[in-house]
Structures are given as C-alpha cells and as structure tokens.
C-alpha cells in the first residue's frame, strides 16, 4: 500500500473532527484566556485552523524559513475560523492526493534564519509537525471549551457531553 493511501483517510477523519471542535468555539469568548500566560481562545482556535496549511507547505516545498514570519491575526468570528480552516484543509488534501512514496520520503527542513532546526523526511514532518501538532492543539481547544462549559464533541469515541453513558 502506498503511504498516501494510509494518510488520506486519517487526514479526512482528523479534519472532520477538527471542524466539529471549531464549530463549538463561542464567538463571544474569543478574547477569553484560562490564565494570563495562556493564548486567548481566539488565538488558539486560529492556530488550530491554520495548522492544516503547514501540510501543504510541507508537501510543496523542501524547506520553511520561520525567520521574519509574522503572526497570523486571530479570526474575528466562528465563520472566519471555519472558512480559514476549510480553505487550509482543502489545499493540503489536494497537495497530498497522488503523492508517491518517494516524494513523501524526500527531506524537508525547518529553519529560523540561518539556524537549521531540523531536517526530516516529509512523511515524518507530516506526522509530527502537522498531524500530531494539530491534534495536540485541538485537545487544548477542547479543554478551553470544557472550562467555558461548552459541550465537547466526540473525537475518538463518545463524549460525555453527547453520550453521558
């Protein structure tokens, strides 16, 4: 089986799950923070909506230089979050379709100006820098929702908020 044939169904599942979490973000709480040193709900949700774009950058480039990269402005509404997420997920999915194992095993580097942070096969970058990173921050977002008493959707099985068995 080609690597892409395993990655696509997982990507589709994780994107659908992520969308359900983003759909729960309360617009009137975007500035809320659980702690003064934490990201705001809006910043965290925007980060979750943006991470899928990194998959497209990983697949279509050989490196990414973070030097001089600006911050992405927090989305001003749930609709803006969902539009941004949908566009990023669609672009990454299109970039993944048809990739050969050789393309997925080609090296990709992350730099910060002159500093090389790492070089890994694209498949490993996909797994850690894109998918695991997204899942990690999506889980943080679910904790924020819980703290705000917003029902947390099912992710990998029933949610007590949706199925309180």
Foldseek 3Di string as FASTA:
>chain_A
DWPLVVVLVVLVLQLVLLLVLLLLQDLVQQQDDPDPVGHGLQLLLLCLLQLLLVLLVLLVDQEDACAPDDRDDGDNGSVRSNVSSVVSSVNNSVSSPPDGNVSQQRWHWYHHVPRTPDIGRSVVCCVVVRVVVSVVSSVVSQVVCVVVVGQRCDRPDHGCSRPVD
